[in-house]
Amino acid sequence: MGLAMKAPKFFVAGIVLGLIVGMVLSTSFYNPPISVCPIVDSMKVEEHIAHAQILSNGTSVAKILVESYKEYNTPNYPLEIVRELYTYKVPASQFWGMSYEFKDNHMRYGRLTIRNRTETRDMDFTYVSLTPEQTQRIDGVGLVTSNWAVFFVSLVDFGGINNIKRIEVRFPEKWELDYSESSGRIEIGESNIIRVHFSKFRRRNYFTLVFSTNEHRITLDKNICILVVMSDGSDYRLSCFHSSSSST
């Protein structure tokens, strides 16, 4: 009788232990070592670009951005790929970039920019530097043409769990979403709003969005706005362009 009564306890203990081990392993799987802004290999950048139908297919560009991000565990490869496309490959395009750092769920510093290649090919935008004080950071890059627009955003929480609950993206009303991919859950909201929800157990996340622009570029009245919502309920508007170029 005693053994019969103890068996369920061992069984329950085994289940609990299995759940704990599973959570640890899954957390490790979803959170590989993070490398932010390393030196990139220009040859690898060109290899990824060679696989994209860059002149007519925004989805192809989005997929190589995700592929390079996953392969090298850094947002800097997507940045360099878009920089190369903007500077040399895609005529009459617009470059979009943002980078923000947080400390204890509060935004400390950031920069954002938009450049029009018809005005200049010079592109000196870089992500903010990695510092020991950062607890979270969000980096994004995009390319806008007369036919399509591609945006890639990565986010990292350096703590034990992810405190970036969701990101909301508002895009020009005349744009149409063609493709989306994310490590989180994408919700197509009302009108021109997209929400991306992230698990607290996954500290390294990303999303990419591709739109048909219908010849509507980013201008004073056609903005890309990004709102980040933290787990404590605080929110920050990271990006909402009101001029051809700006930084904060």
C-alpha atoms as a PDB file:
ATOM      1  CA  MET A   1       0.000   0.000   0.000  1.00  0.00           C
ATOM      2  CA  GLY A   2       2.878   2.340   0.904  1.00  0.00           C
ATOM      3  CA  LEU A   3       4.592   1.813  -2.429  1.00  0.00           C
ATOM      4  CA  ALA A   4       1.309   2.261  -4.259  1.00  0.00           C
ATOM      5  CA  MET A   5       0.815   5.607  -2.531  1.00  0.00           C
ATOM      6  CA  LYS A   6       4.376   6.822  -3.206  1.00  0.00           C
ATOM      7  CA  ALA A   7       4.351   5.990  -6.899  1.00  0.00           C
ATOM      8  CA  PRO A   8       2.075   8.878  -7.858  1.00  0.00           C
ATOM      9  CA  LYS A   9       4.375  11.261  -5.937  1.00  0.00           C
ATOM     10  CA  PHE A  10       7.394  10.086  -7.928  1.00  0.00           C
ATOM     11  CA  PHE A  11       5.326  10.359 -11.074  1.00  0.00           C
ATOM     12  CA  VAL A  12       4.269  13.936 -10.279  1.00  0.00           C
ATOM     13  CA  ALA A  13       7.832  14.865  -9.315  1.00  0.00           C
ATOM     14  CA  GLY A  14       9.033  13.507 -12.650  1.00  0.00           C
ATOM     15  CA  ILE A  15       6.497  15.586 -14.525  1.00  0.00           C
ATOM     16  CA  VAL A  16       7.492  18.745 -12.634  1.00  0.00           C
ATOM     17  CA  LEU A  17      11.187  18.080 -13.264  1.00  0.00           C
ATOM     18  CA  GLY A  18      10.468  17.472 -16.934  1.00  0.00           C
ATOM     19  CA  LEU A  19       8.585  20.751 -17.213  1.00  0.00           C
ATOM     20  CA  ILE A  20      11.435  22.661 -15.577  1.00  0.00           C
ATOM     21  CA  VAL A  21      14.041  21.095 -17.848  1.00  0.00           C
ATOM     22  CA  GLY A  22      11.819  21.727 -20.848  1.00  0.00           C
ATOM     23  CA  MET A  23      11.439  25.400 -19.972  1.00  0.00           C
ATOM     24  CA  VAL A  24      15.202  25.795 -19.557  1.00  0.00           C
ATOM     25  CA  LEU A  25      15.930  24.066 -22.859  1.00  0.00           C
ATOM     26  CA  SER A  26      13.252  25.987 -24.730  1.00  0.00           C
ATOM     27  CA  THR A  27      14.524  29.285 -23.318  1.00  0.00           C
ATOM     28  CA  SER A  28      18.053  28.427 -24.466  1.00  0.00           C
ATOM     29  CA  PHE A  29      16.768  27.414 -27.893  1.00  0.00           C
ATOM     30  CA  TYR A  30      14.850  30.637 -28.421  1.00  0.00           C
ATOM     31  CA  ASN A  31      17.605  32.851 -26.990  1.00  0.00           C
ATOM     32  CA  PRO A  32      20.923  32.028 -28.691  1.00  0.00           C
ATOM     33  CA  PRO A  33      23.991  34.169 -27.909  1.00  0.00           C
ATOM     34  CA  ILE A  34      23.310  37.762 -28.937  1.00  0.00           C
ATOM     35  CA  SER A  35      25.760  39.694 -31.074  1.00  0.00           C
ATOM     36  CA  VAL A  36      24.878  43.347 -31.670  1.00  0.00           C
ATOM     37  CA  CYS A  37      26.602  45.454 -34.300  1.00  0.00           C
ATOM     38  CA  PRO A  38      29.684  43.357 -35.097  1.00  0.00           C
ATOM     39  CA  ILE A  39      31.948  43.845 -38.097  1.00  0.00           C
ATOM     40  CA  VAL A  40      30.163  42.324 -41.086  1.00  0.00           C
ATOM     41  CA  ASP A  41      31.679  40.361 -43.955  1.00  0.00           C
ATOM     42  CA  SER A  42      30.996  42.257 -47.198  1.00  0.00           C
ATOM     43  CA  MET A  43      31.258  39.042 -49.209  1.00  0.00           C
ATOM     44  CA  LYS A  44      28.464  37.455 -47.162  1.00  0.00           C
ATOM     45  CA  VAL A  45      26.340  40.572 -47.682  1.00  0.00           C
ATOM     46  CA  GLU A  46      26.773  40.229 -51.450  1.00  0.00           C
ATOM     47  CA  GLU A  47      25.955  36.515 -51.296  1.00  0.00           C
ATOM     48  CA  HIS A  48      22.626  37.228 -49.625  1.00  0.00           C
ATOM     49  CA  ILE A  49      21.809  40.027 -52.080  1.00  0.00           C
ATOM     50  CA  ALA A  50      22.513  37.720 -55.012  1.00  0.00           C
ATOM     51  CA  HIS A  51      19.649  35.483 -53.868  1.00  0.00           C
ATOM     52  CA  ALA A  52      17.044  38.257 -53.916  1.00  0.00           C
ATOM     53  CA  GLN A  53      15.017  39.476 -56.871  1.00  0.00           C
ATOM     54  CA  ILE A  54      15.761  42.990 -55.710  1.00  0.00           C
ATOM     55  CA  LEU A  55      14.191  45.055 -58.451  1.00  0.00           C
ATOM     56  CA  SER A  56      10.685  43.611 -58.398  1.00  0.00           C
ATOM     57  CA  ASN A  57      10.125  41.519 -55.283  1.00  0.00           C
ATOM     58  CA  GLY A  58       9.986  43.043 -51.813  1.00  0.00           C
ATOM     59  CA  THR A  59       9.149  39.687 -50.242  1.00  0.00           C
ATOM     60  CA  SER A  60      12.407  38.241 -51.547  1.00  0.00           C
ATOM     61  CA  VAL A  61      14.327  41.068 -49.882  1.00  0.00           C
ATOM     62  CA  ALA A  62      12.461  40.532 -46.597  1.00  0.00           C
ATOM     63  CA  LYS A  63      13.342  36.847 -46.593  1.00  0.00           C
ATOM     64  CA  ILE A  64      17.071  37.470 -47.043  1.00  0.00           C
ATOM     65  CA  LEU A  65      16.979  40.010 -44.204  1.00  0.00           C
ATOM     66  CA  VAL A  66      15.431  37.407 -41.900  1.00  0.00           C
ATOM     67  CA  GLU A  67      17.810  34.727 -43.164  1.00  0.00           C
ATOM     68  CA  SER A  68      20.903  36.844 -42.493  1.00  0.00           C
ATOM     69  CA  TYR A  69      19.622  37.883 -39.059  1.00  0.00           C
ATOM     70  CA  LYS A  70      19.043  34.286 -38.008  1.00  0.00           C
ATOM     71  CA  GLU A  71      22.307  33.024 -39.474  1.00  0.00           C
ATOM     72  CA  TYR A  72      24.592  35.562 -37.787  1.00  0.00           C
ATOM     73  CA  ASN A  73      22.523  36.447 -34.674  1.00  0.00           C
ATOM     74  CA  THR A  74      22.856  40.166 -35.321  1.00  0.00           C
ATOM     75  CA  PRO A  75      20.728  42.982 -36.792  1.00  0.00           C
ATOM     76  CA  ASN A  76      23.770  44.450 -38.516  1.00  0.00           C
ATOM     77  CA  TYR A  77      23.607  42.140 -41.532  1.00  0.00           C
ATOM     78  CA  PRO A  78      20.066  43.272 -42.443  1.00  0.00           C
ATOM     79  CA  LEU A  79      21.288  46.866 -42.014  1.00  0.00           C
ATOM     80  CA  GLU A  80      24.250  46.379 -44.339  1.00  0.00           C
ATOM     81  CA  ILE A  81      22.151  44.529 -46.928  1.00  0.00           C
ATOM     82  CA  VAL A  82      19.610  47.366 -47.069  1.00  0.00           C
ATOM     83  CA  ARG A  83      22.399  49.952 -47.125  1.00  0.00           C
ATOM     84  CA  GLU A  84      23.951  48.186 -50.120  1.00  0.00           C
ATOM     85  CA  LEU A  85      20.611  47.946 -51.928  1.00  0.00           C
ATOM     86  CA  TYR A  86      19.858  51.611 -51.296  1.00  0.00           C
ATOM     87  CA  THR A  87      23.285  52.845 -52.355  1.00  0.00           C
ATOM     88  CA  TYR A  88      23.985  50.728 -55.417  1.00  0.00           C
ATOM     89  CA  LYS A  89      21.191  48.367 -56.432  1.00  0.00           C
ATOM     90  CA  VAL A  90      17.727  49.907 -56.245  1.00  0.00           C
ATOM     91  CA  PRO A  91      17.294  53.252 -58.036  1.00  0.00           C
ATOM     92  CA  ALA A  92      15.126  56.065 -56.668  1.00  0.00           C
ATOM     93  CA  SER A  93      14.609  54.299 -53.343  1.00  0.00           C
ATOM     94  CA  GLN A  94      14.244  55.586 -49.791  1.00  0.00           C
ATOM     95  CA  PHE A  95      16.223  54.346 -46.787  1.00  0.00           C
ATOM     96  CA  TRP A  96      14.575  54.077 -43.359  1.00  0.00           C
ATOM     97  CA  GLY A  97      16.451  53.348 -40.141  1.00  0.00           C
ATOM     98  CA  MET A  98      15.878  53.493 -36.389  1.00  0.00           C
ATOM     99  CA  SER A  99      17.732  52.382 -33.264  1.00  0.00           C
ATOM    100  CA  TYR A 100      16.694  52.818 -29.615  1.00  0.00           C
ATOM    101  CA  GLU A 101      18.078  51.721 -26.285  1.00  0.00           C
ATOM    102  CA  PHE A 102      16.231  51.185 -23.001  1.00  0.00           C
ATOM    103  CA  LYS A 103      17.215  50.904 -19.364  1.00  0.00           C
ATOM    104  CA  ASP A 104      14.853  49.120 -16.967  1.00  0.00           C
ATOM    105  CA  ASN A 105      11.957  49.324 -19.455  1.00  0.00           C
ATOM    106  CA  HIS A 106      12.444  53.069 -20.035  1.00  0.00           C
ATOM    107  CA  MET A 107      13.686  54.547 -23.279  1.00  0.00           C
ATOM    108  CA  ARG A 108      16.982  56.402 -22.853  1.00  0.00           C
ATOM    109  CA  TYR A 109      18.217  57.318 -26.298  1.00  0.00           C
ATOM    110  CA  GLY A 110      17.531  56.682 -29.940  1.00  0.00           C
ATOM    111  CA  ARG A 111      17.974  57.776 -33.509  1.00  0.00           C
ATOM    112  CA  LEU A 112      15.896  57.543 -36.649  1.00  0.00           C
ATOM    113  CA  THR A 113      16.410  58.681 -40.210  1.00  0.00           C
ATOM    114  CA  ILE A 114      14.978  58.564 -43.689  1.00  0.00           C
ATOM    115  CA  ARG A 115      16.995  59.296 -46.820  1.00  0.00           C
ATOM    116  CA  ASN A 116      15.937  59.756 -50.417  1.00  0.00           C
ATOM    117  CA  ARG A 117      18.405  58.436 -52.969  1.00  0.00           C
ATOM    118  CA  THR A 118      17.344  61.065 -55.494  1.00  0.00           C
ATOM    119  CA  GLU A 119      18.896  63.567 -53.081  1.00  0.00           C
ATOM    120  CA  THR A 120      21.961  61.666 -51.874  1.00  0.00           C
ATOM    121  CA  ARG A 121      23.560  58.228 -51.867  1.00  0.00           C
ATOM    122  CA  ASP A 122      25.500  58.990 -48.708  1.00  0.00           C
ATOM    123  CA  MET A 123      24.319  56.769 -45.875  1.00  0.00           C
ATOM    124  CA  ASP A 124      26.018  57.207 -42.511  1.00  0.00           C
ATOM    125  CA  PHE A 125      23.222  55.753 -40.374  1.00  0.00           C
ATOM    126  CA  THR A 126      24.346  53.248 -37.738  1.00  0.00           C
ATOM    127  CA  TYR A 127      22.668  51.539 -34.816  1.00  0.00           C
ATOM    128  CA  VAL A 128      23.286  52.931 -31.335  1.00  0.00           C
ATOM    129  CA  SER A 129      26.281  51.382 -29.598  1.00  0.00           C
ATOM    130  CA  LEU A 130      25.904  48.480 -27.206  1.00  0.00           C
ATOM    131  CA  THR A 131      26.503  49.556 -23.593  1.00  0.00           C
ATOM    132  CA  PRO A 132      26.504  47.677 -20.261  1.00  0.00           C
ATOM    133  CA  GLU A 133      23.588  49.808 -19.030  1.00  0.00           C
ATOM    134  CA  GLN A 134      21.194  48.674 -21.761  1.00  0.00           C
ATOM    135  CA  THR A 135      18.429  46.317 -20.683  1.00  0.00           C
ATOM    136  CA  GLN A 136      16.555  46.352 -23.999  1.00  0.00           C
ATOM    137  CA  ARG A 137      17.186  47.632 -27.507  1.00  0.00           C
ATOM    138  CA  ILE A 138      15.202  47.869 -30.740  1.00  0.00           C
ATOM    139  CA  ASP A 139      16.819  48.254 -34.172  1.00  0.00           C
ATOM    140  CA  GLY A 140      15.101  48.598 -37.525  1.00  0.00           C
ATOM    141  CA  VAL A 141      15.879  49.140 -41.188  1.00  0.00           C
ATOM    142  CA  GLY A 142      13.758  49.516 -44.303  1.00  0.00           C
ATOM    143  CA  LEU A 143      13.762  50.204 -48.025  1.00  0.00           C
ATOM    144  CA  VAL A 144      10.920  51.953 -49.858  1.00  0.00           C
ATOM    145  CA  THR A 145      10.436  51.986 -53.641  1.00  0.00           C
ATOM    146  CA  SER A 146       7.591  53.164 -55.844  1.00  0.00           C
ATOM    147  CA  ASN A 147       6.182  49.609 -55.900  1.00  0.00           C
ATOM    148  CA  TRP A 148       7.051  48.011 -52.553  1.00  0.00           C
ATOM    149  CA  ALA A 149       8.396  48.686 -49.083  1.00  0.00           C
ATOM    150  CA  VAL A 150      10.298  46.322 -46.778  1.00  0.00           C
ATOM    151  CA  PHE A 151      10.844  46.807 -43.045  1.00  0.00           C
ATOM    152  CA  PHE A 152      12.854  44.601 -40.684  1.00  0.00           C
ATOM    153  CA  VAL A 153      12.885  45.219 -36.923  1.00  0.00           C
ATOM    154  CA  SER A 154      14.784  43.286 -34.249  1.00  0.00           C
ATOM    155  CA  LEU A 155      14.428  43.580 -30.490  1.00  0.00           C
ATOM    156  CA  VAL A 156      16.452  42.215 -27.601  1.00  0.00           C
ATOM    157  CA  ASP A 157      15.901  42.042 -23.853  1.00  0.00           C
ATOM    158  CA  PHE A 158      19.143  41.365 -22.005  1.00  0.00           C
ATOM    159  CA  GLY A 159      17.402  40.371 -18.770  1.00  0.00           C
ATOM    160  CA  GLY A 160      15.996  37.060 -17.617  1.00  0.00           C
ATOM    161  CA  ILE A 161      12.698  37.447 -19.487  1.00  0.00           C
ATOM    162  CA  ASN A 162      11.397  39.573 -22.327  1.00  0.00           C
ATOM    163  CA  ASN A 163       9.738  42.791 -21.144  1.00  0.00           C
ATOM    164  CA  ILE A 164       8.855  44.074 -24.618  1.00  0.00           C
ATOM    165  CA  LYS A 165       5.224  43.012 -24.736  1.00  0.00           C
ATOM    166  CA  ARG A 166       4.233  44.173 -28.206  1.00  0.00           C
ATOM    167  CA  ILE A 167       4.979  46.587 -31.015  1.00  0.00           C
ATOM    168  CA  GLU A 168       2.346  48.441 -33.006  1.00  0.00           C
ATOM    169  CA  VAL A 169       3.041  49.650 -36.536  1.00  0.00           C
ATOM    170  CA  ARG A 170       0.943  52.262 -38.303  1.00  0.00           C
ATOM    171  CA  PHE A 171       1.515  52.510 -42.043  1.00  0.00           C
ATOM    172  CA  PRO A 172       0.141  54.749 -44.834  1.00  0.00           C
ATOM    173  CA  GLU A 173      -3.498  53.976 -45.576  1.00  0.00           C
ATOM    174  CA  LYS A 174      -2.913  53.463 -49.301  1.00  0.00           C
ATOM    175  CA  TRP A 175      -0.308  50.780 -48.679  1.00  0.00           C
ATOM    176  CA  GLU A 176      -1.310  47.094 -48.738  1.00  0.00           C
ATOM    177  CA  LEU A 177       0.347  44.371 -46.657  1.00  0.00           C
ATOM    178  CA  ASP A 178       1.814  41.671 -48.913  1.00  0.00           C
ATOM    179  CA  TYR A 179       3.927  39.582 -46.544  1.00  0.00           C
ATOM    180  CA  SER A 180       4.773  39.340 -42.849  1.00  0.00           C
ATOM    181  CA  GLU A 181       6.961  37.126 -40.683  1.00  0.00           C
ATOM    182  CA  SER A 182       7.878  37.265 -37.011  1.00  0.00           C
ATOM    183  CA  SER A 183       9.157  35.359 -34.013  1.00  0.00           C
ATOM    184  CA  GLY A 184       6.010  36.637 -32.297  1.00  0.00           C
ATOM    185  CA  ARG A 185       2.313  36.655 -33.149  1.00  0.00           C
ATOM    186  CA  ILE A 186       1.189  39.136 -35.800  1.00  0.00           C
ATOM    187  CA  GLU A 187      -2.272  40.664 -35.451  1.00  0.00           C
ATOM    188  CA  ILE A 188      -3.767  42.644 -38.309  1.00  0.00           C
ATOM    189  CA  GLY A 189      -5.672  45.399 -36.564  1.00  0.00           C
ATOM    190  CA  GLU A 190      -8.194  47.947 -37.684  1.00  0.00           C
ATOM    191  CA  SER A 191      -7.473  50.080 -40.729  1.00  0.00           C
ATOM    192  CA  ASN A 192      -3.715  50.539 -41.124  1.00  0.00           C
ATOM    193  CA  ILE A 193      -2.498  49.118 -37.782  1.00  0.00           C
ATOM    194  CA  ILE A 194      -0.420  45.955 -37.274  1.00  0.00           C
ATOM    195  CA  ARG A 195       0.367  44.607 -33.801  1.00  0.00           C
ATOM    196  CA  VAL A 196       3.158  42.137 -33.077  1.00  0.00           C
ATOM    197  CA  HIS A 197       2.926  40.302 -29.734  1.00  0.00           C
ATOM    198  CA  PHE A 198       5.988  38.687 -28.126  1.00  0.00           C
ATOM    199  CA  SER A 199       6.429  35.916 -25.556  1.00  0.00           C
ATOM    200  CA  LYS A 200       8.072  36.800 -22.254  1.00  0.00           C
ATOM    201  CA  PHE A 201      10.216  33.668 -22.573  1.00  0.00           C
ATOM    202  CA  ARG A 202      11.798  34.733 -25.849  1.00  0.00           C
ATOM    203  CA  ARG A 203      14.240  37.585 -25.304  1.00  0.00           C
ATOM    204  CA  ARG A 204      15.457  37.879 -28.894  1.00  0.00           C
ATOM    205  CA  ASN A 205      12.730  38.700 -31.418  1.00  0.00           C
ATOM    206  CA  TYR A 206      12.150  40.111 -34.871  1.00  0.00           C
ATOM    207  CA  PHE A 207       9.496  40.906 -37.425  1.00  0.00           C
ATOM    208  CA  THR A 208       9.455  41.889 -41.082  1.00  0.00           C
ATOM    209  CA  LEU A 209       6.683  43.515 -43.097  1.00  0.00           C
ATOM    210  CA  VAL A 210       6.339  43.943 -46.866  1.00  0.00           C
ATOM    211  CA  PHE A 211       3.875  46.360 -48.450  1.00  0.00           C
ATOM    212  CA  SER A 212       2.688  47.286 -51.915  1.00  0.00           C
ATOM    213  CA  THR A 213       3.170  51.047 -51.835  1.00  0.00           C
ATOM    214  CA  ASN A 214       0.999  51.885 -54.863  1.00  0.00           C
ATOM    215  CA  GLU A 215       3.473  54.665 -55.654  1.00  0.00           C
ATOM    216  CA  HIS A 216       2.916  56.348 -52.289  1.00  0.00           C
ATOM    217  CA  ARG A 217       6.274  57.039 -50.633  1.00  0.00           C
ATOM    218  CA  ILE A 218       6.943  58.091 -47.040  1.00  0.00           C
ATOM    219  CA  THR A 219       6.283  61.844 -46.978  1.00  0.00           C
ATOM    220  CA  LEU A 220       5.094  64.464 -44.524  1.00  0.00           C
ATOM    221  CA  ASP A 221       1.559  63.037 -44.477  1.00  0.00           C
ATOM    222  CA  LYS A 222       2.372  59.361 -45.162  1.00  0.00           C
ATOM    223  CA  ASN A 223       4.292  58.183 -42.136  1.00  0.00           C
ATOM    224  CA  ILE A 224       5.506  54.954 -40.601  1.00  0.00           C
ATOM    225  CA  CYS A 225       4.801  55.097 -36.852  1.00  0.00           C
ATOM    226  CA  ILE A 226       6.056  52.520 -34.351  1.00  0.00           C
ATOM    227  CA  LEU A 227       4.796  52.224 -30.774  1.00  0.00           C
ATOM    228  CA  VAL A 228       6.436  49.854 -28.284  1.00  0.00           C
ATOM    229  CA  VAL A 229       4.486  48.619 -25.249  1.00  0.00           C
ATOM    230  CA  MET A 230       6.404  47.244 -22.260  1.00  0.00           C
ATOM    231  CA  SER A 231       5.244  44.587 -19.795  1.00  0.00           C
ATOM    232  CA  ASP A 232       4.720  47.210 -17.069  1.00  0.00           C
ATOM    233  CA  GLY A 233       2.226  49.065 -19.262  1.00  0.00           C
ATOM    234  CA  SER A 234       4.501  51.926 -20.277  1.00  0.00           C
ATOM    235  CA  ASP A 235       4.643  52.754 -23.971  1.00  0.00           C
ATOM    236  CA  TYR A 236       6.927  54.762 -26.238  1.00  0.00           C
ATOM    237  CA  ARG A 237       6.470  56.089 -29.739  1.00  0.00           C
ATOM    238  CA  LEU A 238       9.788  55.247 -31.351  1.00  0.00           C
ATOM    239  CA  SER A 239       9.306  56.340 -34.907  1.00  0.00           C
ATOM    240  CA  CYS A 240       6.899  58.663 -36.630  1.00  0.00           C
ATOM    241  CA  PHE A 241       8.415  60.704 -39.408  1.00  0.00           C
ATOM    242  CA  HIS A 242       7.370  64.319 -39.727  1.00  0.00           C
ATOM    243  CA  SER A 243      10.316  65.475 -41.820  1.00  0.00           C
ATOM    244  CA  SER A 244      12.633  64.103 -44.487  1.00  0.00           C
ATOM    245  CA  SER A 245      15.290  63.370 -41.865  1.00  0.00           C
ATOM    246  CA  SER A 246      15.328  63.539 -38.097  1.00  0.00           C
ATOM    247  CA  SER A 247      16.952  62.127 -34.987  1.00  0.00           C
ATOM    248  CA  THR A 248      16.312  62.123 -31.261  1.00  0.00           C
END
